[in-house]
Every structure is written in C-alpha cells, then in structure tokens.
Amino acid sequence: MTLGDPHTGTCTAEGAPAAAGRVRTCCNAGYARHACPSFPGGDAPDAVRFNILRRNAGVATLQYVVERDHHPFEHGTLELRETVGSESSESTLQRQARAFLQSYLRRTV
C-alpha cells in the first residue's frame, strides 16, 4: 500500500467514487497505467512514495517521489500539521501525503 493503509475515495480521472475492486488493485498499489481503464494517458505519473523526514512540534516534513514507469518523475518535500484534517483546497499530492501521514501516526503513536 503506497499510503500505508488501504484508502477509498474519488477517482480523479473519473470525478466519481472509485470502483472498490480497482481501488484495491490499482489505486492503492500504484502502477495502474496498464491495469486501469480510467488511467489518464500521456506522461501521467503512476505511483507516489512518501517518507517521514522529521517531526517537530506537531509538524511533519515528508519527502515524496512521484514515479512514472518505476522511474522518478518528480520529487520534493511537504510540511503538514499532524492534527489538521484534509482541506478541500489541497492538491491530490497533499491529500495523499496527509493519508500517508495519518497511517504513519496510527502505527507509531
């Protein structure tokens, strides 16, 4: 599971709730380019990995690597408050990072 725990939600390609079977085999696992009929074409990335770099005073710094065909596509860091829920203005990457962080906190706190 790329986010630590299995997740459900809205398929950003379809703008609707994702089909349960596809969420488990494609969305939660990553690398759905050839497995999901809703996967966007072109050079869209197909997986994201997160790592906790540090936690300090309720703020976590996460490193992310977005992948395409098992190769780095984009990378960087994000800072997230540990106690704040997801904001509607967050990007997909930020919501995924928050889901990863919450999974991490459930396992370590």
PDB file of N, CA and C in Angstrom:
ATOM      1  N   MET A   1       0.840  -1.175   0.000  1.00  0.00           N
ATOM      2  CA  MET A   1       0.000   0.000   0.000  1.00  0.00           C
ATOM      3  C   MET A   1       0.890   1.244   0.000  1.00  0.00           C
ATOM      4  N   THR A   2       0.796   2.032  -1.022  1.00  0.00           N
ATOM      5  CA  THR A   2       1.660   3.201  -1.145  1.00  0.00           C
ATOM      6  C   THR A   2       1.389   4.262  -0.088  1.00  0.00           C
ATOM      7  N   LEU A   3       0.183   4.267   0.490  1.00  0.00           N
ATOM      8  CA  LEU A   3      -0.153   5.261   1.507  1.00  0.00           C
ATOM      9  C   LEU A   3      -0.148   4.676   2.909  1.00  0.00           C
ATOM     10  N   GLY A   4       0.280   3.448   3.060  1.00  0.00           N
ATOM     11  CA  GLY A   4       0.354   2.826   4.377  1.00  0.00           C
ATOM     12  C   GLY A   4      -0.850   1.969   4.693  1.00  0.00           C
ATOM     13  N   ASP A   5      -2.042   2.476   4.481  1.00  0.00           N
ATOM     14  CA  ASP A   5      -3.302   1.760   4.699  1.00  0.00           C
ATOM     15  C   ASP A   5      -4.085   1.801   3.399  1.00  0.00           C
ATOM     16  N   PRO A   6      -5.021   0.869   3.217  1.00  0.00           N
ATOM     17  CA  PRO A   6      -5.883   0.966   2.041  1.00  0.00           C
ATOM     18  C   PRO A   6      -6.825   2.162   2.183  1.00  0.00           C
ATOM     19  N   HIS A   7      -7.074   2.844   1.099  1.00  0.00           N
ATOM     20  CA  HIS A   7      -7.941   4.018   1.114  1.00  0.00           C
ATOM     21  C   HIS A   7      -8.978   3.924   0.012  1.00  0.00           C
ATOM     22  N   THR A   8     -10.072   4.632   0.210  1.00  0.00           N
ATOM     23  CA  THR A   8     -11.102   4.757  -0.810  1.00  0.00           C
ATOM     24  C   THR A   8     -11.242   6.241  -1.115  1.00  0.00           C
ATOM     25  N   GLY A   9     -11.997   6.566  -2.107  1.00  0.00           N
ATOM     26  CA  GLY A   9     -12.190   7.977  -2.401  1.00  0.00           C
ATOM     27  C   GLY A   9     -12.643   8.198  -3.817  1.00  0.00           C
ATOM     28  N   THR A  10     -12.457   9.403  -4.249  1.00  0.00           N
ATOM     29  CA  THR A  10     -12.887   9.808  -5.574  1.00  0.00           C
ATOM     30  C   THR A  10     -11.773   9.549  -6.579  1.00  0.00           C
ATOM     31  N   CYS A  11     -12.144   8.966  -7.687  1.00  0.00           N
ATOM     32  CA  CYS A  11     -11.203   8.764  -8.797  1.00  0.00           C
ATOM     33  C   CYS A  11     -11.019  10.120  -9.464  1.00  0.00           C
ATOM     34  N   THR A  12      -9.815  10.647  -9.448  1.00  0.00           N
ATOM     35  CA  THR A  12      -9.593  11.963 -10.042  1.00  0.00           C
ATOM     36  C   THR A  12      -9.707  11.922 -11.567  1.00  0.00           C
ATOM     37  N   ALA A  13      -9.539  10.758 -12.178  1.00  0.00           N
ATOM     38  CA  ALA A  13      -9.692  10.633 -13.628  1.00  0.00           C
ATOM     39  C   ALA A  13     -11.165  10.647 -14.031  1.00  0.00           C
ATOM     40  N   GLU A  14     -12.029  10.076 -13.176  1.00  0.00           N
ATOM     41  CA  GLU A  14     -13.451  10.000 -13.499  1.00  0.00           C
ATOM     42  C   GLU A  14     -14.287  11.049 -12.774  1.00  0.00           C
ATOM     43  N   GLY A  15     -13.769  11.619 -11.683  1.00  0.00           N
ATOM     44  CA  GLY A  15     -14.535  12.578 -10.900  1.00  0.00           C
ATOM     45  C   GLY A  15     -15.695  11.942 -10.167  1.00  0.00           C
ATOM     46  N   ALA A  16     -15.574  10.674  -9.843  1.00  0.00           N
ATOM     47  CA  ALA A  16     -16.636   9.924  -9.165  1.00  0.00           C
ATOM     48  C   ALA A  16     -15.983   8.932  -8.210  1.00  0.00           C
ATOM     49  N   PRO A  17     -16.768   8.363  -7.281  1.00  0.00           N
ATOM     50  CA  PRO A  17     -16.175   7.356  -6.400  1.00  0.00           C
ATOM     51  C   PRO A  17     -15.528   6.232  -7.217  1.00  0.00           C
ATOM     52  N   ALA A  18     -14.378   5.816  -6.776  1.00  0.00           N
ATOM     53  CA  ALA A  18     -13.645   4.763  -7.484  1.00  0.00           C
ATOM     54  C   ALA A  18     -14.271   3.400  -7.200  1.00  0.00           C
ATOM     55  N   ALA A  19     -14.274   2.545  -8.185  1.00  0.00           N
ATOM     56  CA  ALA A  19     -14.788   1.186  -8.023  1.00  0.00           C
ATOM     57  C   ALA A  19     -13.924   0.433  -7.018  1.00  0.00           C
ATOM     58  N   ALA A  20     -14.557  -0.265  -6.072  1.00  0.00           N
ATOM     59  CA  ALA A  20     -13.840  -0.921  -4.973  1.00  0.00           C
ATOM     60  C   ALA A  20     -12.736  -1.854  -5.468  1.00  0.00           C
ATOM     61  N   GLY A  21     -13.000  -2.664  -6.456  1.00  0.00           N
ATOM     62  CA  GLY A  21     -12.000  -3.595  -6.961  1.00  0.00           C
ATOM     63  C   GLY A  21     -10.797  -2.884  -7.550  1.00  0.00           C
ATOM     64  N   ARG A  22     -11.042  -1.794  -8.250  1.00  0.00           N
ATOM     65  CA  ARG A  22      -9.944  -1.032  -8.847  1.00  0.00           C
ATOM     66  C   ARG A  22      -9.127  -0.297  -7.798  1.00  0.00           C
ATOM     67  N   VAL A  23      -9.802   0.187  -6.754  1.00  0.00           N
ATOM     68  CA  VAL A  23      -9.081   0.892  -5.690  1.00  0.00           C
ATOM     69  C   VAL A  23      -8.038  -0.029  -5.086  1.00  0.00           C
ATOM     70  N   ARG A  24      -8.419  -1.259  -4.799  1.00  0.00           N
ATOM     71  CA  ARG A  24      -7.517  -2.213  -4.155  1.00  0.00           C
ATOM     72  C   ARG A  24      -6.353  -2.595  -5.061  1.00  0.00           C
ATOM     73  N   THR A  25      -6.654  -2.909  -6.319  1.00  0.00           N
ATOM     74  CA  THR A  25      -5.617  -3.431  -7.209  1.00  0.00           C
ATOM     75  C   THR A  25      -4.835  -2.360  -7.956  1.00  0.00           C
ATOM     76  N   CYS A  26      -5.413  -1.197  -8.134  1.00  0.00           N
ATOM     77  CA  CYS A  26      -4.748  -0.144  -8.917  1.00  0.00           C
ATOM     78  C   CYS A  26      -4.361   1.052  -8.058  1.00  0.00           C
ATOM     79  N   CYS A  27      -5.346   1.730  -7.523  1.00  0.00           N
ATOM     80  CA  CYS A  27      -5.092   2.996  -6.817  1.00  0.00           C
ATOM     81  C   CYS A  27      -4.189   2.804  -5.600  1.00  0.00           C
ATOM     82  N   ASN A  28      -4.482   1.817  -4.763  1.00  0.00           N
ATOM     83  CA  ASN A  28      -3.713   1.619  -3.544  1.00  0.00           C
ATOM     84  C   ASN A  28      -2.347   0.996  -3.798  1.00  0.00           C
ATOM     85  N   ALA A  29      -2.173   0.350  -4.916  1.00  0.00           N
ATOM     86  CA  ALA A  29      -0.907  -0.312  -5.201  1.00  0.00           C
ATOM     87  C   ALA A  29       0.024   0.544  -6.069  1.00  0.00           C
ATOM     88  N   GLY A  30      -0.535   1.468  -6.835  1.00  0.00           N
ATOM     89  CA  GLY A  30       0.272   2.243  -7.778  1.00  0.00           C
ATOM     90  C   GLY A  30       0.533   1.446  -9.041  1.00  0.00           C
ATOM     91  N   TYR A  31       1.149   2.072 -10.007  1.00  0.00           N
ATOM     92  CA  TYR A  31       1.494   1.455 -11.291  1.00  0.00           C
ATOM     93  C   TYR A  31       0.278   0.897 -12.022  1.00  0.00           C
ATOM     94  N   ALA A  32      -0.773   1.682 -12.091  1.00  0.00           N
ATOM     95  CA  ALA A  32      -2.021   1.245 -12.720  1.00  0.00           C
ATOM     96  C   ALA A  32      -2.097   1.589 -14.202  1.00  0.00           C
ATOM     97  N   ARG A  33      -1.011   2.082 -14.758  1.00  0.00           N
ATOM     98  CA  ARG A  33      -1.014   2.550 -16.153  1.00  0.00           C
ATOM     99  C   ARG A  33      -1.642   1.537 -17.119  1.00  0.00           C
ATOM    100  N   HIS A  34      -1.323   0.285 -17.007  1.00  0.00           N
ATOM    101  CA  HIS A  34      -1.835  -0.710 -17.949  1.00  0.00           C
ATOM    102  C   HIS A  34      -2.949  -1.559 -17.353  1.00  0.00           C
ATOM    103  N   ALA A  35      -3.354  -1.260 -16.118  1.00  0.00           N
ATOM    104  CA  ALA A  35      -4.369  -2.078 -15.455  1.00  0.00           C
ATOM    105  C   ALA A  35      -5.704  -1.367 -15.265  1.00  0.00           C
ATOM    106  N   CYS A  36      -5.713  -0.044 -15.300  1.00  0.00           N
ATOM    107  CA  CYS A  36      -6.933   0.718 -15.012  1.00  0.00           C
ATOM    108  C   CYS A  36      -7.452   1.382 -16.288  1.00  0.00           C
ATOM    109  N   PRO A  37      -8.709   1.110 -16.650  1.00  0.00           N
ATOM    110  CA  PRO A  37      -9.249   1.722 -17.865  1.00  0.00           C
ATOM    111  C   PRO A  37      -9.437   3.239 -17.741  1.00  0.00           C
ATOM    112  N   SER A  38      -9.427   3.778 -16.521  1.00  0.00           N
ATOM    113  CA  SER A  38      -9.599   5.220 -16.321  1.00  0.00           C
ATOM    114  C   SER A  38      -8.274   5.968 -16.206  1.00  0.00           C
ATOM    115  N   PHE A  39      -7.173   5.248 -16.284  1.00  0.00           N
ATOM    116  CA  PHE A  39      -5.872   5.890 -16.122  1.00  0.00           C
ATOM    117  C   PHE A  39      -5.660   6.925 -17.224  1.00  0.00           C
ATOM    118  N   PRO A  40      -5.245   8.156 -16.848  1.00  0.00           N
ATOM    119  CA  PRO A  40      -5.021   9.173 -17.881  1.00  0.00           C
ATOM    120  C   PRO A  40      -3.860   8.789 -18.794  1.00  0.00           C
ATOM    121  N   GLY A  41      -3.927   9.209 -20.007  1.00  0.00           N
ATOM    122  CA  GLY A  41      -2.869   8.885 -20.961  1.00  0.00           C
ATOM    123  C   GLY A  41      -1.688   9.819 -20.838  1.00  0.00           C
ATOM    124  N   GLY A  42      -0.830   9.770 -21.799  1.00  0.00           N
ATOM    125  CA  GLY A  42       0.324  10.657 -21.839  1.00  0.00           C
ATOM    126  C   GLY A  42       1.372  10.312 -20.816  1.00  0.00           C
ATOM    127  N   ASP A  43       2.016  11.347 -20.284  1.00  0.00           N
ATOM    128  CA  ASP A  43       3.121  11.113 -19.358  1.00  0.00           C
ATOM    129  C   ASP A  43       2.682  11.206 -17.894  1.00  0.00           C
ATOM    130  N   ALA A  44       1.419  10.924 -17.620  1.00  0.00           N
ATOM    131  CA  ALA A  44       0.924  10.981 -16.240  1.00  0.00           C
ATOM    132  C   ALA A  44       1.725  10.034 -15.347  1.00  0.00           C
ATOM    133  N   PRO A  45       2.072  10.486 -14.150  1.00  0.00           N
ATOM    134  CA  PRO A  45       2.774   9.595 -13.216  1.00  0.00           C
ATOM    135  C   PRO A  45       1.849   8.487 -12.752  1.00  0.00           C
ATOM    136  N   ASP A  46       2.434   7.377 -12.284  1.00  0.00           N
ATOM    137  CA  ASP A  46       1.593   6.254 -11.891  1.00  0.00           C
ATOM    138  C   ASP A  46       1.862   5.711 -10.499  1.00  0.00           C
ATOM    139  N   ALA A  47       2.661   6.390  -9.707  1.00  0.00           N
ATOM    140  CA  ALA A  47       2.856   5.982  -8.306  1.00  0.00           C
ATOM    141  C   ALA A  47       3.487   7.148  -7.553  1.00  0.00           C
ATOM    142  N   VAL A  48       3.304   7.137  -6.256  1.00  0.00           N
ATOM    143  CA  VAL A  48       3.949   8.128  -5.396  1.00  0.00           C
ATOM    144  C   VAL A  48       4.397   7.423  -4.125  1.00  0.00           C
ATOM    145  N   ARG A  49       5.560   7.765  -3.669  1.00  0.00           N
ATOM    146  CA  ARG A  49       6.115   7.186  -2.437  1.00  0.00           C
ATOM    147  C   ARG A  49       6.391   8.324  -1.464  1.00  0.00           C
ATOM    148  N   PHE A  50       6.175   8.053  -0.177  1.00  0.00           N
ATOM    149  CA  PHE A  50       6.398   9.057   0.853  1.00  0.00           C
ATOM    150  C   PHE A  50       7.330   8.521   1.921  1.00  0.00           C
ATOM    151  N   ASN A  51       8.008   9.434   2.587  1.00  0.00           N
ATOM    152  CA  ASN A  51       8.891   9.105   3.694  1.00  0.00           C
ATOM    153  C   ASN A  51       8.822  10.267   4.685  1.00  0.00           C
ATOM    154  N   ILE A  52       8.795   9.950   5.973  1.00  0.00           N
ATOM    155  CA  ILE A  52       8.825  10.983   7.004  1.00  0.00           C
ATOM    156  C   ILE A  52      10.286  11.390   7.206  1.00  0.00           C
ATOM    157  N   LEU A  53      10.594  12.651   6.953  1.00  0.00           N
ATOM    158  CA  LEU A  53      11.952  13.139   7.192  1.00  0.00           C
ATOM    159  C   LEU A  53      12.139  13.557   8.638  1.00  0.00           C
ATOM    160  N   ARG A  54      11.145  14.278   9.182  1.00  0.00           N
ATOM    161  CA  ARG A  54      11.234  14.712  10.584  1.00  0.00           C
ATOM    162  C   ARG A  54       9.859  15.133  11.068  1.00  0.00           C
ATOM    163  N   ARG A  55       9.732  15.123  12.383  1.00  0.00           N
ATOM    164  CA  ARG A  55       8.534  15.611  13.060  1.00  0.00           C
ATOM    165  C   ARG A  55       8.997  16.550  14.159  1.00  0.00           C
ATOM    166  N   ASN A  56       8.380  17.720  14.220  1.00  0.00           N
ATOM    167  CA  ASN A  56       8.785  18.699  15.215  1.00  0.00           C
ATOM    168  C   ASN A  56       7.586  19.578  15.562  1.00  0.00           C
ATOM    169  N   ALA A  57       7.217  19.577  16.825  1.00  0.00           N
ATOM    170  CA  ALA A  57       6.147  20.450  17.337  1.00  0.00           C
ATOM    171  C   ALA A  57       4.851  20.316  16.545  1.00  0.00           C
ATOM    172  N   GLY A  58       4.460  19.080  16.238  1.00  0.00           N
ATOM    173  CA  GLY A  58       3.200  18.853  15.543  1.00  0.00           C
ATOM    174  C   GLY A  58       3.220  19.089  14.049  1.00  0.00           C
ATOM    175  N   VAL A  59       4.402  19.302  13.500  1.00  0.00           N
ATOM    176  CA  VAL A  59       4.539  19.485  12.051  1.00  0.00           C
ATOM    177  C   VAL A  59       5.452  18.388  11.521  1.00  0.00           C
ATOM    178  N   ALA A  60       4.991  17.707  10.484  1.00  0.00           N
ATOM    179  CA  ALA A  60       5.787  16.648   9.867  1.00  0.00           C
ATOM    180  C   ALA A  60       6.300  17.130   8.512  1.00  0.00           C
ATOM    181  N   THR A  61       7.550  16.820   8.242  1.00  0.00           N
ATOM    182  CA  THR A  61       8.137  17.088   6.932  1.00  0.00           C
ATOM    183  C   THR A  61       8.235  15.754   6.214  1.00  0.00           C
ATOM    184  N   LEU A  62       7.579  15.666   5.080  1.00  0.00           N
ATOM    185  CA  LEU A  62       7.564  14.439   4.286  1.00  0.00           C
ATOM    186  C   LEU A  62       8.326  14.648   2.996  1.00  0.00           C
ATOM    187  N   GLN A  63       9.062  13.638   2.612  1.00  0.00           N
ATOM    188  CA  GLN A  63       9.712  13.600   1.310  1.00  0.00           C
ATOM    189  C   GLN A  63       8.803  12.787   0.396  1.00  0.00           C
ATOM    190  N   TYR A  64       8.663  13.206  -0.843  1.00  0.00           N
ATOM    191  CA  TYR A  64       7.871  12.422  -1.793  1.00  0.00           C
ATOM    192  C   TYR A  64       8.648  12.216  -3.080  1.00  0.00           C
ATOM    193  N   VAL A  65       8.371  11.091  -3.707  1.00  0.00           N
ATOM    194  CA  VAL A  65       8.899  10.797  -5.035  1.00  0.00           C
ATOM    195  C   VAL A  65       7.726  10.308  -5.866  1.00  0.00           C
ATOM    196  N   VAL A  66       7.399  11.059  -6.891  1.00  0.00           N
ATOM    197  CA  VAL A  66       6.360  10.663  -7.841  1.00  0.00           C
ATOM    198  C   VAL A  66       7.068   9.872  -8.930  1.00  0.00           C
ATOM    199  N   GLU A  67       6.488   8.726  -9.289  1.00  0.00           N
ATOM    200  CA  GLU A  67       7.138   7.838 -10.256  1.00  0.00           C
ATOM    201  C   GLU A  67       6.294   7.668 -11.519  1.00  0.00           C
ATOM    202  N   ARG A  68       6.976   7.401 -12.593  1.00  0.00           N
ATOM    203  CA  ARG A  68       6.338   7.027 -13.853  1.00  0.00           C
ATOM    204  C   ARG A  68       7.111   5.844 -14.399  1.00  0.00           C
ATOM    205  N   ASP A  69       6.414   4.751 -14.620  1.00  0.00           N
ATOM    206  CA  ASP A  69       7.051   3.520 -15.103  1.00  0.00           C
ATOM    207  C   ASP A  69       8.255   3.130 -14.248  1.00  0.00           C
ATOM    208  N   HIS A  70       8.099   3.201 -12.945  1.00  0.00           N
ATOM    209  CA  HIS A  70       9.121   2.800 -11.967  1.00  0.00           C
ATOM    210  C   HIS A  70      10.350   3.702 -11.944  1.00  0.00           C
ATOM    211  N   HIS A  71      10.251   4.898 -12.520  1.00  0.00           N
ATOM    212  CA  HIS A  71      11.361   5.845 -12.519  1.00  0.00           C
ATOM    213  C   HIS A  71      10.911   7.159 -11.903  1.00  0.00           C
ATOM    214  N   PRO A  72      11.821   7.875 -11.234  1.00  0.00           N
ATOM    215  CA  PRO A  72      11.448   9.178 -10.662  1.00  0.00           C
ATOM    216  C   PRO A  72      10.931  10.122 -11.744  1.00  0.00           C
ATOM    217  N   PHE A  73       9.843  10.795 -11.423  1.00  0.00           N
ATOM    218  CA  PHE A  73       9.201  11.739 -12.338  1.00  0.00           C
ATOM    219  C   PHE A  73       9.257  13.147 -11.751  1.00  0.00           C
ATOM    220  N   GLU A  74       9.122  13.213 -10.421  1.00  0.00           N
ATOM    221  CA  GLU A  74       9.134  14.482  -9.685  1.00  0.00           C
ATOM    222  C   GLU A  74       9.445  14.140  -8.231  1.00  0.00           C
ATOM    223  N   HIS A  75      10.045  15.067  -7.502  1.00  0.00           N
ATOM    224  CA  HIS A  75      10.313  14.813  -6.087  1.00  0.00           C
ATOM    225  C   HIS A  75      10.342  16.136  -5.336  1.00  0.00           C
ATOM    226  N   GLY A  76      10.226  16.038  -4.018  1.00  0.00           N
ATOM    227  CA  GLY A  76      10.275  17.240  -3.207  1.00  0.00           C
ATOM    228  C   GLY A  76       9.893  16.934  -1.769  1.00  0.00           C
ATOM    229  N   THR A  77       9.596  17.983  -1.018  1.00  0.00           N
ATOM    230  CA  THR A  77       9.180  17.835   0.375  1.00  0.00           C
ATOM    231  C   THR A  77       7.894  18.623   0.601  1.00  0.00           C
ATOM    232  N   LEU A  78       7.151  18.183   1.585  1.00  0.00           N
ATOM    233  CA  LEU A  78       5.923  18.845   2.018  1.00  0.00           C
ATOM    234  C   LEU A  78       5.951  18.948   3.532  1.00  0.00           C
ATOM    235  N   GLU A  79       5.399  20.009   4.066  1.00  0.00           N
ATOM    236  CA  GLU A  79       5.219  20.121   5.508  1.00  0.00           C
ATOM    237  C   GLU A  79       3.728  20.098   5.794  1.00  0.00           C
ATOM    238  N   LEU A  80       3.330  19.243   6.737  1.00  0.00           N
ATOM    239  CA  LEU A  80       1.921  19.111   7.107  1.00  0.00           C
ATOM    240  C   LEU A  80       1.777  19.160   8.614  1.00  0.00           C
ATOM    241  N   ARG A  81       0.756  19.849   9.086  1.00  0.00           N
ATOM    242  CA  ARG A  81       0.404  19.786  10.503  1.00  0.00           C
ATOM    243  C   ARG A  81      -0.178  18.417  10.777  1.00  0.00           C
ATOM    244  N   GLU A  82       0.215  17.822  11.888  1.00  0.00           N
ATOM    245  CA  GLU A  82      -0.227  16.467  12.197  1.00  0.00           C
ATOM    246  C   GLU A  82      -1.675  16.407  12.663  1.00  0.00           C
ATOM    247  N   THR A  83      -2.216  17.490  13.182  1.00  0.00           N
ATOM    248  CA  THR A  83      -3.550  17.447  13.776  1.00  0.00           C
ATOM    249  C   THR A  83      -4.644  18.002  12.890  1.00  0.00           C
ATOM    250  N   VAL A  84      -4.324  18.566  11.754  1.00  0.00           N
ATOM    251  CA  VAL A  84      -5.318  19.188  10.893  1.00  0.00           C
ATOM    252  C   VAL A  84      -5.814  18.175   9.880  1.00  0.00           C
ATOM    253  N   GLY A  85      -7.129  18.149   9.659  1.00  0.00           N
ATOM    254  CA  GLY A  85      -7.703  17.263   8.655  1.00  0.00           C
ATOM    255  C   GLY A  85      -7.458  17.795   7.253  1.00  0.00           C
ATOM    256  N   SER A  86      -7.846  17.014   6.288  1.00  0.00           N
ATOM    257  CA  SER A  86      -7.657  17.388   4.885  1.00  0.00           C
ATOM    258  C   SER A  86      -8.455  18.638   4.548  1.00  0.00           C
ATOM    259  N   GLU A  87      -7.854  19.500   3.782  1.00  0.00           N
ATOM    260  CA  GLU A  87      -8.507  20.724   3.334  1.00  0.00           C
ATOM    261  C   GLU A  87      -8.946  20.544   1.888  1.00  0.00           C
ATOM    262  N   SER A  88     -10.099  21.082   1.535  1.00  0.00           N
ATOM    263  CA  SER A  88     -10.601  20.926   0.171  1.00  0.00           C
ATOM    264  C   SER A  88      -9.692  21.601  -0.856  1.00  0.00           C
ATOM    265  N   SER A  89      -8.901  22.576  -0.415  1.00  0.00           N
ATOM    266  CA  SER A  89      -8.016  23.274  -1.351  1.00  0.00           C
ATOM    267  C   SER A  89      -6.697  22.540  -1.583  1.00  0.00           C
ATOM    268  N   GLU A  90      -6.483  21.429  -0.899  1.00  0.00           N
ATOM    269  CA  GLU A  90      -5.228  20.692  -1.067  1.00  0.00           C
ATOM    270  C   GLU A  90      -5.191  19.984  -2.420  1.00  0.00           C
ATOM    271  N   SER A  91      -3.990  19.865  -2.943  1.00  0.00           N
ATOM    272  CA  SER A  91      -3.802  19.128  -4.192  1.00  0.00           C
ATOM    273  C   SER A  91      -3.941  17.628  -3.910  1.00  0.00           C
ATOM    274  N   THR A  92      -4.035  16.851  -4.970  1.00  0.00           N
ATOM    275  CA  THR A  92      -4.085  15.392  -4.815  1.00  0.00           C
ATOM    276  C   THR A  92      -2.852  14.898  -4.082  1.00  0.00           C
ATOM    277  N   LEU A  93      -1.676  15.421  -4.437  1.00  0.00           N
ATOM    278  CA  LEU A  93      -0.436  15.015  -3.776  1.00  0.00           C
ATOM    279  C   LEU A  93      -0.497  15.333  -2.280  1.00  0.00           C
ATOM    280  N   GLN A  94      -0.993  16.509  -1.909  1.00  0.00           N
ATOM    281  CA  GLN A  94      -1.099  16.864  -0.496  1.00  0.00           C
ATOM    282  C   GLN A  94      -2.082  15.954   0.240  1.00  0.00           C
ATOM    283  N   ARG A  95      -3.199  15.622  -0.394  1.00  0.00           N
ATOM    284  CA  ARG A  95      -4.165  14.708   0.244  1.00  0.00           C
ATOM    285  C   ARG A  95      -3.560  13.314   0.408  1.00  0.00           C
ATOM    286  N   GLN A  96      -2.800  12.867  -0.579  1.00  0.00           N
ATOM    287  CA  GLN A  96      -2.132  11.569  -0.460  1.00  0.00           C
ATOM    288  C   GLN A  96      -1.087  11.605   0.650  1.00  0.00           C
ATOM    289  N   ALA A  97      -0.327  12.687   0.735  1.00  0.00           N
ATOM    290  CA  ALA A  97       0.674  12.831   1.795  1.00  0.00           C
ATOM    291  C   ALA A  97      -0.005  12.818   3.168  1.00  0.00           C
ATOM    292  N   ARG A  98      -1.134  13.503   3.286  1.00  0.00           N
ATOM    293  CA  ARG A  98      -1.870  13.528   4.557  1.00  0.00           C
ATOM    294  C   ARG A  98      -2.360  12.119   4.920  1.00  0.00           C
ATOM    295  N   ALA A  99      -2.853  11.369   3.931  1.00  0.00           N
ATOM    296  CA  ALA A  99      -3.299   9.998   4.183  1.00  0.00           C
ATOM    297  C   ALA A  99      -2.122   9.142   4.652  1.00  0.00           C
ATOM    298  N   PHE A 100      -0.963   9.293   4.016  1.00  0.00           N
ATOM    299  CA  PHE A 100       0.229   8.567   4.427  1.00  0.00           C
ATOM    300  C   PHE A 100       0.612   8.942   5.855  1.00  0.00           C
ATOM    301  N   LEU A 101       0.615  10.240   6.159  1.00  0.00           N
ATOM    302  CA  LEU A 101       0.968  10.711   7.495  1.00  0.00           C
ATOM    303  C   LEU A 101       0.012  10.150   8.543  1.00  0.00           C
ATOM    304  N   GLN A 102      -1.272  10.165   8.268  1.00  0.00           N
ATOM    305  CA  GLN A 102      -2.238   9.633   9.238  1.00  0.00           C
ATOM    306  C   GLN A 102      -2.032   8.130   9.443  1.00  0.00           C
ATOM    307  N   SER A 103      -1.734   7.387   8.390  1.00  0.00           N
ATOM    308  CA  SER A 103      -1.417   5.960   8.515  1.00  0.00           C
ATOM    309  C   SER A 103      -0.186   5.769   9.388  1.00  0.00           C
ATOM    310  N   TYR A 104       0.832   6.592   9.144  1.00  0.00           N
ATOM    311  CA  TYR A 104       2.071   6.519   9.910  1.00  0.00           C
ATOM    312  C   TYR A 104       1.793   6.805  11.398  1.00  0.00           C
ATOM    313  N   LEU A 105       1.032   7.857  11.662  1.00  0.00           N
ATOM    314  CA  LEU A 105       0.747   8.220  13.059  1.00  0.00           C
ATOM    315  C   LEU A 105      -0.063   7.139  13.767  1.00  0.00           C
ATOM    316  N   ARG A 106      -1.003   6.508  13.070  1.00  0.00           N
ATOM    317  CA  ARG A 106      -1.776   5.411  13.691  1.00  0.00           C
ATOM    318  C   ARG A 106      -0.869   4.264  14.121  1.00  0.00           C
ATOM    319  N   ARG A 107       0.193   4.045  13.397  1.00  0.00           N
ATOM    320  CA  ARG A 107       1.100   2.933  13.705  1.00  0.00           C
ATOM    321  C   ARG A 107       2.151   3.271  14.762  1.00  0.00           C
ATOM    322  N   THR A 108       2.444   4.559  14.937  1.00  0.00           N
ATOM    323  CA  THR A 108       3.566   4.921  15.805  1.00  0.00           C
ATOM    324  C   THR A 108       3.169   5.637  17.078  1.00  0.00           C
ATOM    325  N   VAL A 109       1.999   6.202  17.151  1.00  0.00           N
ATOM    326  CA  VAL A 109       1.605   6.975  18.339  1.00  0.00           C
ATOM    327  C   VAL A 109       0.746   6.144  19.255  1.00  0.00           C
TER     328      VAL A 109
END
